[in-house]
C-alpha atoms as a PDB file:
ATOM      1  CA  UNK A   1      -0.069   0.176  -0.164  1.00  0.00           C
ATOM      2  CA  UNK A   2       0.950   3.677  -0.969  1.00  0.00           C
ATOM      3  CA  UNK A   3       1.140   6.009   2.270  1.00  0.00           C
ATOM      4  CA  UNK A   4       2.021   9.677   1.602  1.00  0.00           C
ATOM      5  CA  UNK A   5       3.497  11.331   4.479  1.00  0.00           C
ATOM      6  CA  UNK A   6       1.696  14.572   5.748  1.00  0.00           C
ATOM      7  CA  UNK A   7       5.035  16.588   4.405  1.00  0.00           C
ATOM      8  CA  UNK A   8       4.136  14.789   0.500  1.00  0.00           C
ATOM      9  CA  UNK A   9       1.267  15.145   0.497  1.00  0.00           C
ATOM     10  CA  UNK A  10       1.702  19.058   1.749  1.00  0.00           C
ATOM     11  CA  UNK A  11       4.132  18.902  -0.835  1.00  0.00           C
ATOM     12  CA  UNK A  12       1.300  17.433  -3.622  1.00  0.00           C
ATOM     13  CA  UNK A  13      -1.393  20.180  -2.647  1.00  0.00           C
ATOM     14  CA  UNK A  14       0.713  22.458  -3.851  1.00  0.00           C
ATOM     15  CA  UNK A  15       1.053  21.354  -7.784  1.00  0.00           C
ATOM     16  CA  UNK A  16      -1.707  21.812  -8.996  1.00  0.00           C
ATOM     17  CA  UNK A  17      -4.828  23.885  -8.380  1.00  0.00           C
ATOM     18  CA  UNK A  18      -5.707  23.430  -4.692  1.00  0.00           C
ATOM     19  CA  UNK A  19      -9.138  21.755  -4.676  1.00  0.00           C
ATOM     20  CA  UNK A  20      -8.512  19.013  -7.731  1.00  0.00           C
ATOM     21  CA  UNK A  21      -4.715  18.017  -5.465  1.00  0.00           C
ATOM     22  CA  UNK A  22      -6.754  18.204  -2.435  1.00  0.00           C
ATOM     23  CA  UNK A  23      -9.179  15.650  -4.324  1.00  0.00           C
ATOM     24  CA  UNK A  24      -6.387  13.750  -5.492  1.00  0.00           C
ATOM     25  CA  UNK A  25      -5.121  12.738  -2.096  1.00  0.00           C
ATOM     26  CA  UNK A  26      -8.520  12.694  -0.468  1.00  0.00           C
ATOM     27  CA  UNK A  27      -9.060   9.880  -3.487  1.00  0.00           C
ATOM     28  CA  UNK A  28      -5.626   7.648  -2.738  1.00  0.00           C
ATOM     29  CA  UNK A  29      -6.653   7.671   0.189  1.00  0.00           C
ATOM     30  CA  UNK A  30      -9.880   5.945  -0.381  1.00  0.00           C
ATOM     31  CA  UNK A  31      -8.736   3.946  -3.020  1.00  0.00           C
ATOM     32  CA  UNK A  32      -6.187   2.717  -0.774  1.00  0.00           C
ATOM     33  CA  UNK A  33      -8.702   1.896   2.227  1.00  0.00           C
ATOM     34  CA  UNK A  34      -7.107   4.145   4.550  1.00  0.00           C
ATOM     35  CA  UNK A  35     -10.553   5.607   4.202  1.00  0.00           C
ATOM     36  CA  UNK A  36     -13.738   2.988   5.111  1.00  0.00           C
ATOM     37  CA  UNK A  37     -17.170   3.275   3.676  1.00  0.00           C
ATOM     38  CA  UNK A  38     -19.126   4.751   6.343  1.00  0.00           C
ATOM     39  CA  UNK A  39     -16.214   7.378   7.615  1.00  0.00           C
ATOM     40  CA  UNK A  40     -16.293  11.181   8.233  1.00  0.00           C
ATOM     41  CA  UNK A  41     -14.478  13.654   6.317  1.00  0.00           C
ATOM     42  CA  UNK A  42     -14.207  16.685   8.356  1.00  0.00           C
ATOM     43  CA  UNK A  43     -13.386  19.851   6.917  1.00  0.00           C
ATOM     44  CA  UNK A  44     -11.498  21.315   9.714  1.00  0.00           C
ATOM     45  CA  UNK A  45      -9.673  18.199  10.705  1.00  0.00           C
ATOM     46  CA  UNK A  46      -8.664  18.030   6.819  1.00  0.00           C
ATOM     47  CA  UNK A  47      -7.426  21.634   6.661  1.00  0.00           C
ATOM     48  CA  UNK A  48      -5.563  21.000   9.737  1.00  0.00           C
ATOM     49  CA  UNK A  49      -3.896  18.245   8.207  1.00  0.00           C
ATOM     50  CA  UNK A  50      -3.146  19.284   5.021  1.00  0.00           C
ATOM     51  CA  UNK A  51      -2.356  22.597   6.230  1.00  0.00           C
ATOM     52  CA  UNK A  52      -4.843  25.055   4.040  1.00  0.00           C
ATOM     53  CA  UNK A  53      -7.699  27.159   4.271  1.00  0.00           C
ATOM     54  CA  UNK A  54     -11.390  25.395   4.379  1.00  0.00           C
ATOM     55  CA  UNK A  55     -12.990  26.422   1.270  1.00  0.00           C
ATOM     56  CA  UNK A  56     -10.406  24.655  -0.938  1.00  0.00           C
ATOM     57  CA  UNK A  57     -11.530  21.613   1.197  1.00  0.00           C
ATOM     58  CA  UNK A  58     -15.011  21.980   0.794  1.00  0.00           C
ATOM     59  CA  UNK A  59     -14.591  22.322  -2.644  1.00  0.00           C
ATOM     60  CA  UNK A  60     -12.904  19.302  -2.947  1.00  0.00           C
ATOM     61  CA  UNK A  61     -15.403  16.588  -0.799  1.00  0.00           C
ATOM     62  CA  UNK A  62     -18.007  18.358  -3.259  1.00  0.00           C
ATOM     63  CA  UNK A  63     -15.535  16.463  -6.142  1.00  0.00           C
ATOM     64  CA  UNK A  64     -15.680  13.666  -4.655  1.00  0.00           C
ATOM     65  CA  UNK A  65     -19.278  13.532  -3.884  1.00  0.00           C
ATOM     66  CA  UNK A  66     -19.936  14.734  -7.751  1.00  0.00           C
ATOM     67  CA  UNK A  67     -17.426  11.321  -8.333  1.00  0.00           C
ATOM     68  CA  UNK A  68     -19.395   9.274  -6.035  1.00  0.00           C
ATOM     69  CA  UNK A  69     -16.833   7.930  -3.816  1.00  0.00           C
ATOM     70  CA  UNK A  70     -18.615  10.284  -1.307  1.00  0.00           C
ATOM     71  CA  UNK A  71     -22.117  11.723   0.526  1.00  0.00           C
ATOM     72  CA  UNK A  72     -23.552  14.832   1.730  1.00  0.00           C
ATOM     73  CA  UNK A  73     -25.651  13.900   5.080  1.00  0.00           C
ATOM     74  CA  UNK A  74     -27.953  16.645   5.782  1.00  0.00           C
ATOM     75  CA  UNK A  75     -26.984  18.802   9.000  1.00  0.00           C
ATOM     76  CA  UNK A  76     -23.679  16.243   9.635  1.00  0.00           C
ATOM     77  CA  UNK A  77     -21.475  16.247   6.803  1.00  0.00           C
ATOM     78  CA  UNK A  78     -19.859  14.280   4.356  1.00  0.00           C
ATOM     79  CA  UNK A  79     -18.816  10.992   4.309  1.00  0.00           C
ATOM     80  CA  UNK A  80     -17.105   7.325   2.435  1.00  0.00           C
ATOM     81  CA  UNK A  81     -20.159   6.444   0.253  1.00  0.00           C
ATOM     82  CA  UNK A  82     -21.512   3.657   1.901  1.00  0.00           C
ATOM     83  CA  UNK A  83     -23.155   1.234  -0.860  1.00  0.00           C
ATOM     84  CA  UNK A  84     -25.926  -1.913  -0.375  1.00  0.00           C
ATOM     85  CA  UNK A  85     -25.934  -5.044  -2.361  1.00  0.00           C
ATOM     86  CA  UNK A  86     -29.194  -4.185  -3.627  1.00  0.00           C
ATOM     87  CA  UNK A  87     -27.131  -1.005  -4.534  1.00  0.00           C
ATOM     88  CA  UNK A  88     -24.061  -2.401  -6.405  1.00  0.00           C
ATOM     89  CA  UNK A  89     -25.971  -4.677  -8.501  1.00  0.00           C
ATOM     90  CA  UNK A  90     -28.724  -2.046  -9.313  1.00  0.00           C
ATOM     91  CA  UNK A  91     -26.048   0.177 -10.836  1.00  0.00           C
ATOM     92  CA  UNK A  92     -24.594  -2.518 -12.408  1.00  0.00           C
ATOM     93  CA  UNK A  93     -27.430  -3.636 -13.980  1.00  0.00           C
ATOM     94  CA  UNK A  94     -27.595   0.367 -15.530  1.00  0.00           C
ATOM     95  CA  UNK A  95     -24.516   0.339 -16.412  1.00  0.00           C
ATOM     96  CA  UNK A  96     -25.104  -2.780 -18.258  1.00  0.00           C
ATOM     97  CA  UNK A  97     -28.108  -1.313 -20.496  1.00  0.00           C
ATOM     98  CA  UNK A  98     -26.197   1.962 -21.093  1.00  0.00           C
ATOM     99  CA  UNK A  99     -22.972   1.008 -21.973  1.00  0.00           C
ATOM    100  CA  UNK A 100     -24.311  -0.995 -24.709  1.00  0.00           C
ATOM    101  CA  UNK A 101     -26.698   1.710 -26.139  1.00  0.00           C
ATOM    102  CA  UNK A 102     -23.992   4.229 -25.598  1.00  0.00           C
ATOM    103  CA  UNK A 103     -21.479   1.869 -27.672  1.00  0.00           C
ATOM    104  CA  UNK A 104     -23.400   1.479 -30.378  1.00  0.00           C
ATOM    105  CA  UNK A 105     -24.637   5.392 -30.585  1.00  0.00           C
ATOM    106  CA  UNK A 106     -20.949   6.010 -29.982  1.00  0.00           C
ATOM    107  CA  UNK A 107     -20.303   4.165 -32.992  1.00  0.00           C
ATOM    108  CA  UNK A 108     -22.675   5.504 -35.529  1.00  0.00           C
ATOM    109  CA  UNK A 109     -21.649   8.937 -34.604  1.00  0.00           C
ATOM    110  CA  UNK A 110     -17.868   9.578 -33.565  1.00  0.00           C
ATOM    111  CA  UNK A 111     -15.553  11.668 -35.306  1.00  0.00           C
ATOM    112  CA  UNK A 112     -11.999  10.767 -36.310  1.00  0.00           C
ATOM    113  CA  UNK A 113     -10.976  13.698 -33.683  1.00  0.00           C
ATOM    114  CA  UNK A 114     -12.759  11.793 -31.167  1.00  0.00           C
ATOM    115  CA  UNK A 115     -11.309   9.025 -31.858  1.00  0.00           C
ATOM    116  CA  UNK A 116      -7.753  10.348 -32.044  1.00  0.00           C
ATOM    117  CA  UNK A 117      -8.339  11.607 -28.697  1.00  0.00           C
ATOM    118  CA  UNK A 118      -9.559   8.267 -27.349  1.00  0.00           C
ATOM    119  CA  UNK A 119      -6.226   6.787 -28.560  1.00  0.00           C
ATOM    120  CA  UNK A 120      -4.108   9.340 -26.995  1.00  0.00           C
ATOM    121  CA  UNK A 121      -5.994   8.624 -23.660  1.00  0.00           C
ATOM    122  CA  UNK A 122      -4.901   4.841 -24.246  1.00  0.00           C
ATOM    123  CA  UNK A 123      -1.175   6.064 -25.099  1.00  0.00           C
ATOM    124  CA  UNK A 124      -0.849   7.583 -21.508  1.00  0.00           C
ATOM    125  CA  UNK A 125      -3.081   4.720 -19.819  1.00  0.00           C
ATOM    126  CA  UNK A 126      -0.506   2.151 -20.825  1.00  0.00           C
ATOM    127  CA  UNK A 127       1.894   3.687 -19.025  1.00  0.00           C
ATOM    128  CA  UNK A 128      -0.073   2.890 -15.978  1.00  0.00           C
ATOM    129  CA  UNK A 129       1.772   0.216 -13.906  1.00  0.00           C
ATOM    130  CA  UNK A 130       2.202   0.280 -10.167  1.00  0.00           C
ATOM    131  CA  UNK A 131      -0.125   1.284  -6.809  1.00  0.00           C
ATOM    132  CA  UNK A 132       0.639   5.036  -7.145  1.00  0.00           C
ATOM    133  CA  UNK A 133      -0.661   4.891 -10.896  1.00  0.00           C
ATOM    134  CA  UNK A 134      -3.784   3.665  -9.656  1.00  0.00           C
ATOM    135  CA  UNK A 135      -5.339   6.955  -8.926  1.00  0.00           C
ATOM    136  CA  UNK A 136      -4.523   7.788 -11.556  1.00  0.00           C
ATOM    137  CA  UNK A 137      -5.714   4.697 -13.433  1.00  0.00           C
ATOM    138  CA  UNK A 138      -8.876   5.293 -12.009  1.00  0.00           C
ATOM    139  CA  UNK A 139      -9.620   8.942 -12.944  1.00  0.00           C
ATOM    140  CA  UNK A 140      -8.027   7.929 -16.808  1.00  0.00           C
ATOM    141  CA  UNK A 141     -10.518   4.991 -17.193  1.00  0.00           C
ATOM    142  CA  UNK A 142     -13.195   7.147 -15.765  1.00  0.00           C
ATOM    143  CA  UNK A 143     -12.616  10.066 -18.554  1.00  0.00           C
ATOM    144  CA  UNK A 144     -11.812   7.504 -21.047  1.00  0.00           C
ATOM    145  CA  UNK A 145     -15.658   6.164 -20.879  1.00  0.00           C
ATOM    146  CA  UNK A 146     -17.087   9.811 -20.500  1.00  0.00           C
ATOM    147  CA  UNK A 147     -15.289  10.320 -24.115  1.00  0.00           C
ATOM    148  CA  UNK A 148     -16.695   7.556 -25.370  1.00  0.00           C
ATOM    149  CA  UNK A 149     -20.640   8.768 -24.038  1.00  0.00           C
ATOM    150  CA  UNK A 150     -19.780  11.834 -25.169  1.00  0.00           C
ATOM    151  CA  UNK A 151     -19.813  10.848 -29.108  1.00  0.00           C
ATOM    152  CA  UNK A 152     -22.828   9.167 -29.124  1.00  0.00           C
ATOM    153  CA  UNK A 153     -23.327  13.312 -29.375  1.00  0.00           C
ATOM    154  CA  UNK A 154     -26.389  12.466 -27.246  1.00  0.00           C
ATOM    155  CA  UNK A 155     -26.872  15.131 -24.746  1.00  0.00           C
ATOM    156  CA  UNK A 156     -29.803  12.659 -22.368  1.00  0.00           C
ATOM    157  CA  UNK A 157     -27.431  10.185 -23.332  1.00  0.00           C
ATOM    158  CA  UNK A 158     -24.793  11.230 -21.376  1.00  0.00           C
ATOM    159  CA  UNK A 159     -26.843  12.554 -18.423  1.00  0.00           C
ATOM    160  CA  UNK A 160     -27.742   9.207 -17.214  1.00  0.00           C
ATOM    161  CA  UNK A 161     -24.602   8.182 -18.245  1.00  0.00           C
ATOM    162  CA  UNK A 162     -23.321  10.564 -15.878  1.00  0.00           C
ATOM    163  CA  UNK A 163     -25.342   9.376 -12.987  1.00  0.00           C
ATOM    164  CA  UNK A 164     -24.955   5.724 -13.620  1.00  0.00           C
ATOM    165  CA  UNK A 165     -21.329   5.876 -13.148  1.00  0.00           C
ATOM    166  CA  UNK A 166     -21.213   8.094 -10.041  1.00  0.00           C
ATOM    167  CA  UNK A 167     -23.638   5.492  -8.438  1.00  0.00           C
ATOM    168  CA  UNK A 168     -21.378   2.708  -9.648  1.00  0.00           C
ATOM    169  CA  UNK A 169     -18.916   1.241  -7.066  1.00  0.00           C
ATOM    170  CA  UNK A 170     -15.753   0.934  -9.718  1.00  0.00           C
ATOM    171  CA  UNK A 171     -13.689   2.864  -6.756  1.00  0.00           C
ATOM    172  CA  UNK A 172     -14.476  -0.386  -4.574  1.00  0.00           C
ATOM    173  CA  UNK A 173     -12.648  -2.484  -7.144  1.00  0.00           C
ATOM    174  CA  UNK A 174      -9.698  -0.072  -7.542  1.00  0.00           C
ATOM    175  CA  UNK A 175      -9.160  -0.278  -3.448  1.00  0.00           C
ATOM    176  CA  UNK A 176      -9.379  -4.186  -4.065  1.00  0.00           C
ATOM    177  CA  UNK A 177      -5.969  -3.848  -5.784  1.00  0.00           C
ATOM    178  CA  UNK A 178      -4.236  -2.312  -2.584  1.00  0.00           C
ATOM    179  CA  UNK A 179      -5.588  -5.558  -0.904  1.00  0.00           C
ATOM    180  CA  UNK A 180      -4.283  -7.768  -3.473  1.00  0.00           C
ATOM    181  CA  UNK A 181      -1.167  -6.438  -5.453  1.00  0.00           C
ATOM    182  CA  UNK A 182      -0.283  -8.809  -6.961  1.00  0.00           C
ATOM    183  CA  UNK A 183      -3.106  -8.635  -9.509  1.00  0.00           C
ATOM    184  CA  UNK A 184      -2.153  -5.540 -10.350  1.00  0.00           C
ATOM    185  CA  UNK A 185      -0.172  -6.171 -13.486  1.00  0.00           C
ATOM    186  CA  UNK A 186      -2.550  -7.912 -14.919  1.00  0.00           C
ATOM    187  CA  UNK A 187      -5.924  -6.195 -14.203  1.00  0.00           C
ATOM    188  CA  UNK A 188      -4.129  -2.845 -15.553  1.00  0.00           C
ATOM    189  CA  UNK A 189      -2.829  -4.556 -18.682  1.00  0.00           C
ATOM    190  CA  UNK A 190      -6.387  -6.748 -19.394  1.00  0.00           C
ATOM    191  CA  UNK A 191      -8.215  -2.853 -18.718  1.00  0.00           C
ATOM    192  CA  UNK A 192      -5.849  -1.457 -21.411  1.00  0.00           C
ATOM    193  CA  UNK A 193      -6.490  -3.934 -23.727  1.00  0.00           C
ATOM    194  CA  UNK A 194     -10.001  -4.033 -23.307  1.00  0.00           C
ATOM    195  CA  UNK A 195     -10.190  -0.575 -24.093  1.00  0.00           C
ATOM    196  CA  UNK A 196      -7.805  -0.677 -27.033  1.00  0.00           C
ATOM    197  CA  UNK A 197     -10.518  -3.102 -28.171  1.00  0.00           C
ATOM    198  CA  UNK A 198     -13.549  -0.913 -27.786  1.00  0.00           C
ATOM    199  CA  UNK A 199     -11.790   1.905 -29.442  1.00  0.00           C
ATOM    200  CA  UNK A 200     -10.593  -0.380 -32.616  1.00  0.00           C
ATOM    201  CA  UNK A 201     -13.949  -1.235 -32.742  1.00  0.00           C
ATOM    202  CA  UNK A 202     -15.582   2.397 -32.654  1.00  0.00           C
ATOM    203  CA  UNK A 203     -13.328   3.796 -34.910  1.00  0.00           C
ATOM    204  CA  UNK A 204     -14.136   0.925 -37.612  1.00  0.00           C
ATOM    205  CA  UNK A 205     -18.409   2.114 -36.722  1.00  0.00           C
ATOM    206  CA  UNK A 206     -18.669  -1.770 -36.007  1.00  0.00           C
ATOM    207  CA  UNK A 207     -21.537  -1.290 -33.454  1.00  0.00           C
ATOM    208  CA  UNK A 208     -21.702  -4.659 -33.138  1.00  0.00           C
ATOM    209  CA  UNK A 209     -18.210  -5.294 -32.124  1.00  0.00           C
ATOM    210  CA  UNK A 210     -18.535  -2.372 -29.813  1.00  0.00           C
ATOM    211  CA  UNK A 211     -21.098  -3.180 -28.217  1.00  0.00           C
ATOM    212  CA  UNK A 212     -19.929  -6.403 -27.105  1.00  0.00           C
ATOM    213  CA  UNK A 213     -16.259  -5.709 -26.201  1.00  0.00           C
ATOM    214  CA  UNK A 214     -18.053  -2.805 -23.916  1.00  0.00           C
ATOM    215  CA  UNK A 215     -20.641  -5.272 -22.374  1.00  0.00           C
ATOM    216  CA  UNK A 216     -17.412  -7.799 -22.075  1.00  0.00           C
ATOM    217  CA  UNK A 217     -15.283  -5.024 -20.350  1.00  0.00           C
ATOM    218  CA  UNK A 218     -17.918  -4.621 -17.746  1.00  0.00           C
ATOM    219  CA  UNK A 219     -18.776  -8.107 -16.961  1.00  0.00           C
ATOM    220  CA  UNK A 220     -14.871  -8.404 -15.942  1.00  0.00           C
ATOM    221  CA  UNK A 221     -15.976  -5.867 -13.367  1.00  0.00           C
ATOM    222  CA  UNK A 222     -18.866  -8.066 -12.529  1.00  0.00           C
ATOM    223  CA  UNK A 223     -16.620 -10.685 -11.772  1.00  0.00           C
ATOM    224  CA  UNK A 224     -14.176  -8.485  -9.344  1.00  0.00           C
ATOM    225  CA  UNK A 225     -17.556  -7.248  -7.519  1.00  0.00           C
ATOM    226  CA  UNK A 226     -18.540 -11.124  -6.824  1.00  0.00           C
ATOM    227  CA  UNK A 227     -15.027 -12.017  -5.753  1.00  0.00           C
ATOM    228  CA  UNK A 228     -13.386  -8.833  -3.829  1.00  0.00           C
ATOM    229  CA  UNK A 229     -17.053  -7.415  -2.779  1.00  0.00           C
ATOM    230  CA  UNK A 230     -18.616 -10.317  -1.713  1.00  0.00           C
ATOM    231  CA  UNK A 231     -21.492  -9.207  -4.356  1.00  0.00           C
ATOM    232  CA  UNK A 232     -23.786 -12.750  -5.258  1.00  0.00           C
ATOM    233  CA  UNK A 233     -22.557 -13.701  -8.432  1.00  0.00           C
ATOM    234  CA  UNK A 234     -26.495 -15.398  -9.286  1.00  0.00           C
ATOM    235  CA  UNK A 235     -27.963 -11.270  -9.110  1.00  0.00           C
ATOM    236  CA  UNK A 236     -25.049 -10.016 -11.412  1.00  0.00           C
ATOM    237  CA  UNK A 237     -25.904 -13.013 -13.540  1.00  0.00           C
ATOM    238  CA  UNK A 238     -29.798 -12.057 -13.312  1.00  0.00           C
ATOM    239  CA  UNK A 239     -27.919  -8.074 -14.471  1.00  0.00           C
ATOM    240  CA  UNK A 240     -26.283  -9.697 -17.180  1.00  0.00           C
ATOM    241  CA  UNK A 241     -28.748 -11.996 -18.884  1.00  0.00           C
ATOM    242  CA  UNK A 242     -31.381  -8.777 -19.174  1.00  0.00           C
ATOM    243  CA  UNK A 243     -28.905  -7.169 -21.350  1.00  0.00           C
ATOM    244  CA  UNK A 244     -27.759 -10.191 -23.178  1.00  0.00           C
ATOM    245  CA  UNK A 245     -30.877  -9.535 -25.687  1.00  0.00           C
ATOM    246  CA  UNK A 246     -28.926  -6.454 -26.999  1.00  0.00           C
ATOM    247  CA  UNK A 247     -26.492  -7.780 -27.615  1.00  0.00           C
ATOM    248  CA  UNK A 248     -27.524 -10.263 -29.924  1.00  0.00           C
ATOM    249  CA  UNK A 249     -30.058  -7.848 -31.457  1.00  0.00           C
ATOM    250  CA  UNK A 250     -27.096  -5.084 -32.383  1.00  0.00           C
ATOM    251  CA  UNK A 251     -26.431  -5.450 -36.238  1.00  0.00           C
ATOM    252  CA  UNK A 252     -23.315  -3.107 -38.283  1.00  0.00           C
END
């Protein structure tokens, strides 16, 4: 597990916009398991620990809430998000449906410039290899999938996707890498290869392949949900069965 000292954390937040760097520090603590689901993130405590004012801490907490890692409880504050089994399964099911629809729409509407942007993202993702890259890997993956959604040019679909991805507990999957570092190399390599296959299908405007590759990519996350987060596999399989007709009906 990578643990930054208070001095290192203070140095880190001096190099970029303050709220973003504080977000990155808190993000790393959450996915490394130093902050657990349900732990409170107190503005005054964080400001003191990091040697900054309350305002950028509050802004960073807003970013955590927007990213789905934290939740704001009225009159009490912000805490690391807690998710029930039902929450996870429902988010997984909705994500499967939207990934299928988005992949098909993106294959139809993506521009050469957007393909080039995705290929540039792949180049950055290829560099992620160690535990210290896990936070960047999660952010890059999120940006990649958002860029694919943007390629649909469907504003309502993009907004729906943002809501669902914020509900999907991918940060808990990254936290599993810190508990099982032996999985790291293969996990990052496989994720990279899956992203490459999605881009190749989109570049060819092959809607059928784009859907199949996108669903297969997300189903890999489903395996992790069952194995490392103890989500009942049968519940996840039910959601996968519901989306299987979408894969069979796709056309080039």
